[in-house]
C-alpha cells in the first residue's frame, strides 16, 4: 500500500519554497474539450472566434490552449 506521507515528503523536498500552479480539474477538462473540438474542425473559418464565444474566453486564450496542436514538430 502506498504511503501518501512519502509522496508529500518527496514533493516538499523537491519543490519546497517554490510556488507552482495546479490547474483545477474543471479547467483541464475544458481545455481538453477545446483542443479536441479544434482538432476536429481545424481549418474551419471562424473556428477560434466560435470557440471563444462558446467557452466565454478570449481568442488569445483559445490560441494559447491550442498552441501545441497548432505548432508542427520538427520531425
N, C-alpha and C. Protein backbone atom coordinates (compact mmCIF):
# COMPACT_ATOMS: atom_id res chain seq x y z
N UNK A 1 0.84 -1.19 0.00
CA UNK A 1 0.00 0.00 0.00
C UNK A 1 0.88 1.25 0.00
N UNK A 2 0.49 2.21 -0.80
CA UNK A 2 1.24 3.45 -0.94
C UNK A 2 1.03 4.36 0.25
N UNK A 3 2.08 4.96 0.73
CA UNK A 3 2.00 5.88 1.86
C UNK A 3 1.99 7.31 1.33
N UNK A 4 0.85 8.02 1.47
CA UNK A 4 0.77 9.39 0.96
C UNK A 4 1.76 10.34 1.61
N UNK A 5 2.19 10.01 2.84
CA UNK A 5 3.18 10.87 3.51
C UNK A 5 4.51 10.88 2.76
N UNK A 6 4.87 9.74 2.17
CA UNK A 6 6.10 9.69 1.38
C UNK A 6 6.01 10.58 0.16
N UNK A 7 4.84 10.61 -0.49
CA UNK A 7 4.63 11.48 -1.65
C UNK A 7 4.75 12.95 -1.26
N UNK A 8 4.14 13.29 -0.13
CA UNK A 8 4.19 14.68 0.34
C UNK A 8 5.62 15.06 0.69
N UNK A 9 6.33 14.19 1.39
CA UNK A 9 7.72 14.49 1.76
C UNK A 9 8.59 14.65 0.53
N UNK A 10 8.41 13.80 -0.45
CA UNK A 10 9.19 13.90 -1.69
C UNK A 10 8.88 15.20 -2.42
N UNK A 11 7.61 15.58 -2.43
CA UNK A 11 7.21 16.82 -3.09
C UNK A 11 7.81 18.03 -2.38
N UNK A 12 7.75 18.04 -1.05
CA UNK A 12 8.31 19.14 -0.27
C UNK A 12 9.82 19.21 -0.48
N UNK A 13 10.47 18.06 -0.49
CA UNK A 13 11.92 18.03 -0.70
C UNK A 13 12.29 18.60 -2.07
N UNK A 14 11.52 18.24 -3.09
CA UNK A 14 11.82 18.69 -4.46
C UNK A 14 11.43 20.15 -4.69
N UNK A 15 10.27 20.56 -4.20
CA UNK A 15 9.72 21.88 -4.55
C UNK A 15 9.57 22.83 -3.38
N UNK A 16 10.02 22.46 -2.20
CA UNK A 16 9.86 23.31 -1.01
C UNK A 16 10.35 24.73 -1.25
N UNK A 17 9.54 25.69 -0.86
CA UNK A 17 9.89 27.10 -1.03
C UNK A 17 9.51 27.67 -2.38
N UNK A 18 9.07 26.83 -3.29
CA UNK A 18 8.67 27.28 -4.63
C UNK A 18 7.18 27.51 -4.69
N UNK A 19 6.79 28.31 -5.64
CA UNK A 19 5.37 28.49 -5.94
C UNK A 19 5.08 27.80 -7.25
N UNK A 20 4.00 27.07 -7.30
CA UNK A 20 3.60 26.48 -8.57
C UNK A 20 2.08 26.41 -8.62
N UNK A 21 1.57 26.36 -9.83
CA UNK A 21 0.14 26.41 -10.08
C UNK A 21 -0.36 25.03 -10.44
N UNK A 22 -1.42 24.60 -9.79
CA UNK A 22 -2.07 23.34 -10.14
C UNK A 22 -3.45 23.70 -10.69
N UNK A 23 -3.68 23.48 -11.99
CA UNK A 23 -4.97 23.86 -12.57
C UNK A 23 -6.10 22.99 -12.01
N UNK A 24 -7.27 23.56 -11.99
CA UNK A 24 -8.42 22.81 -11.50
C UNK A 24 -8.80 21.71 -12.49
N UNK A 25 -9.46 20.72 -12.00
CA UNK A 25 -9.93 19.61 -12.84
C UNK A 25 -10.87 20.16 -13.91
N UNK A 26 -11.72 21.11 -13.52
CA UNK A 26 -12.69 21.69 -14.44
C UNK A 26 -11.98 22.38 -15.62
N UNK A 27 -10.94 23.16 -15.31
CA UNK A 27 -10.20 23.87 -16.35
C UNK A 27 -9.48 22.88 -17.27
N UNK A 28 -8.89 21.86 -16.70
CA UNK A 28 -8.19 20.86 -17.50
C UNK A 28 -9.15 20.15 -18.43
N UNK A 29 -10.30 19.76 -17.92
CA UNK A 29 -11.32 19.09 -18.72
C UNK A 29 -11.79 20.01 -19.84
N UNK A 30 -12.05 21.28 -19.52
CA UNK A 30 -12.48 22.26 -20.52
C UNK A 30 -11.43 22.43 -21.61
N UNK A 31 -10.17 22.57 -21.21
CA UNK A 31 -9.11 22.75 -22.20
C UNK A 31 -8.97 21.55 -23.12
N UNK A 32 -9.08 20.35 -22.56
CA UNK A 32 -9.02 19.14 -23.39
C UNK A 32 -10.17 19.10 -24.38
N UNK A 33 -11.34 19.54 -23.95
CA UNK A 33 -12.52 19.59 -24.83
C UNK A 33 -12.29 20.59 -25.96
N UNK A 34 -11.73 21.75 -25.63
CA UNK A 34 -11.44 22.77 -26.63
C UNK A 34 -10.45 22.24 -27.65
N UNK A 35 -9.40 21.57 -27.19
CA UNK A 35 -8.38 21.02 -28.09
C UNK A 35 -9.00 20.00 -29.04
N UNK A 36 -9.85 19.13 -28.52
CA UNK A 36 -10.49 18.12 -29.37
C UNK A 36 -11.40 18.77 -30.41
N UNK A 37 -12.17 19.78 -30.02
CA UNK A 37 -13.03 20.49 -30.97
C UNK A 37 -12.19 21.21 -32.01
N UNK A 38 -11.07 21.78 -31.58
CA UNK A 38 -10.19 22.49 -32.51
C UNK A 38 -9.62 21.52 -33.54
N UNK A 39 -9.14 20.36 -33.08
CA UNK A 39 -8.58 19.36 -34.00
C UNK A 39 -9.63 18.86 -34.98
N UNK A 40 -10.83 18.66 -34.48
CA UNK A 40 -11.93 18.13 -35.29
C UNK A 40 -12.32 19.10 -36.40
N UNK A 41 -12.31 20.40 -36.09
CA UNK A 41 -12.76 21.40 -37.06
C UNK A 41 -11.63 22.27 -37.60
N UNK A 42 -10.38 21.83 -37.47
CA UNK A 42 -9.24 22.62 -37.92
C UNK A 42 -9.44 23.09 -39.36
N UNK A 43 -9.13 24.35 -39.60
CA UNK A 43 -9.27 24.91 -40.94
C UNK A 43 -10.62 25.56 -41.18
N UNK A 44 -11.56 25.35 -40.30
CA UNK A 44 -12.90 25.93 -40.45
C UNK A 44 -12.83 27.44 -40.19
N UNK A 45 -13.46 28.20 -41.06
CA UNK A 45 -13.47 29.66 -40.92
C UNK A 45 -14.23 30.05 -39.65
N UNK A 46 -13.62 30.90 -38.85
CA UNK A 46 -14.26 31.40 -37.63
C UNK A 46 -14.20 30.45 -36.46
N UNK A 47 -13.37 29.41 -36.55
CA UNK A 47 -13.31 28.39 -35.50
C UNK A 47 -12.89 28.98 -34.16
N UNK A 48 -11.80 29.74 -34.14
CA UNK A 48 -11.30 30.29 -32.88
C UNK A 48 -12.32 31.26 -32.27
N UNK A 49 -12.89 32.10 -33.10
CA UNK A 49 -13.90 33.04 -32.61
C UNK A 49 -15.10 32.30 -32.02
N UNK A 50 -15.53 31.24 -32.70
CA UNK A 50 -16.66 30.45 -32.22
C UNK A 50 -16.36 29.75 -30.90
N UNK A 51 -15.16 29.18 -30.77
CA UNK A 51 -14.78 28.53 -29.52
C UNK A 51 -14.68 29.54 -28.39
N UNK A 52 -14.13 30.70 -28.68
CA UNK A 52 -14.03 31.75 -27.66
C UNK A 52 -15.42 32.14 -27.16
N UNK A 53 -16.34 32.29 -28.06
CA UNK A 53 -17.71 32.64 -27.70
C UNK A 53 -18.37 31.52 -26.90
N UNK A 54 -18.21 30.29 -27.36
CA UNK A 54 -18.83 29.13 -26.72
C UNK A 54 -18.35 28.94 -25.28
N UNK A 55 -17.05 29.17 -25.04
CA UNK A 55 -16.48 28.94 -23.71
C UNK A 55 -16.27 30.22 -22.91
N UNK A 56 -16.75 31.33 -23.43
CA UNK A 56 -16.62 32.62 -22.76
C UNK A 56 -15.16 32.94 -22.43
N UNK A 57 -14.31 32.77 -23.44
CA UNK A 57 -12.89 33.07 -23.33
C UNK A 57 -12.52 34.05 -24.43
N UNK A 58 -11.31 34.58 -24.36
CA UNK A 58 -10.83 35.45 -25.44
C UNK A 58 -10.22 34.58 -26.54
N UNK A 59 -10.09 35.14 -27.71
CA UNK A 59 -9.45 34.43 -28.81
C UNK A 59 -8.00 34.11 -28.44
N UNK A 60 -7.34 35.03 -27.75
CA UNK A 60 -5.96 34.80 -27.30
C UNK A 60 -5.87 33.56 -26.40
N UNK A 61 -6.85 33.40 -25.51
CA UNK A 61 -6.87 32.23 -24.63
C UNK A 61 -7.04 30.94 -25.44
N UNK A 62 -7.89 30.98 -26.45
CA UNK A 62 -8.09 29.81 -27.31
C UNK A 62 -6.79 29.48 -28.04
N UNK A 63 -6.12 30.51 -28.56
CA UNK A 63 -4.84 30.28 -29.23
C UNK A 63 -3.81 29.69 -28.27
N UNK A 64 -3.77 30.17 -27.03
CA UNK A 64 -2.83 29.62 -26.04
C UNK A 64 -3.15 28.16 -25.72
N UNK A 65 -4.42 27.84 -25.57
CA UNK A 65 -4.84 26.48 -25.24
C UNK A 65 -4.51 25.52 -26.38
N UNK A 66 -4.67 25.97 -27.62
CA UNK A 66 -4.47 25.09 -28.78
C UNK A 66 -3.07 25.19 -29.38
N UNK A 67 -2.19 25.89 -28.72
CA UNK A 67 -0.85 26.12 -29.28
C UNK A 67 -0.13 24.83 -29.67
N UNK A 68 -0.12 23.83 -28.79
CA UNK A 68 0.63 22.60 -29.06
C UNK A 68 0.11 21.84 -30.27
N UNK A 69 -1.21 21.86 -30.48
CA UNK A 69 -1.73 21.12 -31.63
C UNK A 69 -1.66 21.95 -32.91
N UNK A 70 -1.34 23.23 -32.81
CA UNK A 70 -1.17 24.07 -33.99
C UNK A 70 0.27 24.17 -34.43
N UNK A 71 1.22 23.93 -33.51
CA UNK A 71 2.63 24.08 -33.83
C UNK A 71 3.19 22.77 -34.35
N UNK A 72 3.58 22.74 -35.61
CA UNK A 72 4.13 21.50 -36.14
C UNK A 72 5.49 21.19 -35.53
N UNK A 73 5.76 19.92 -35.32
CA UNK A 73 7.05 19.50 -34.80
C UNK A 73 8.11 19.54 -35.89
N UNK A 74 9.34 19.46 -35.48
CA UNK A 74 10.43 19.47 -36.46
C UNK A 74 10.56 18.13 -37.15
N UNK A 75 10.15 17.05 -36.51
CA UNK A 75 10.32 15.72 -37.09
C UNK A 75 9.02 14.98 -37.12
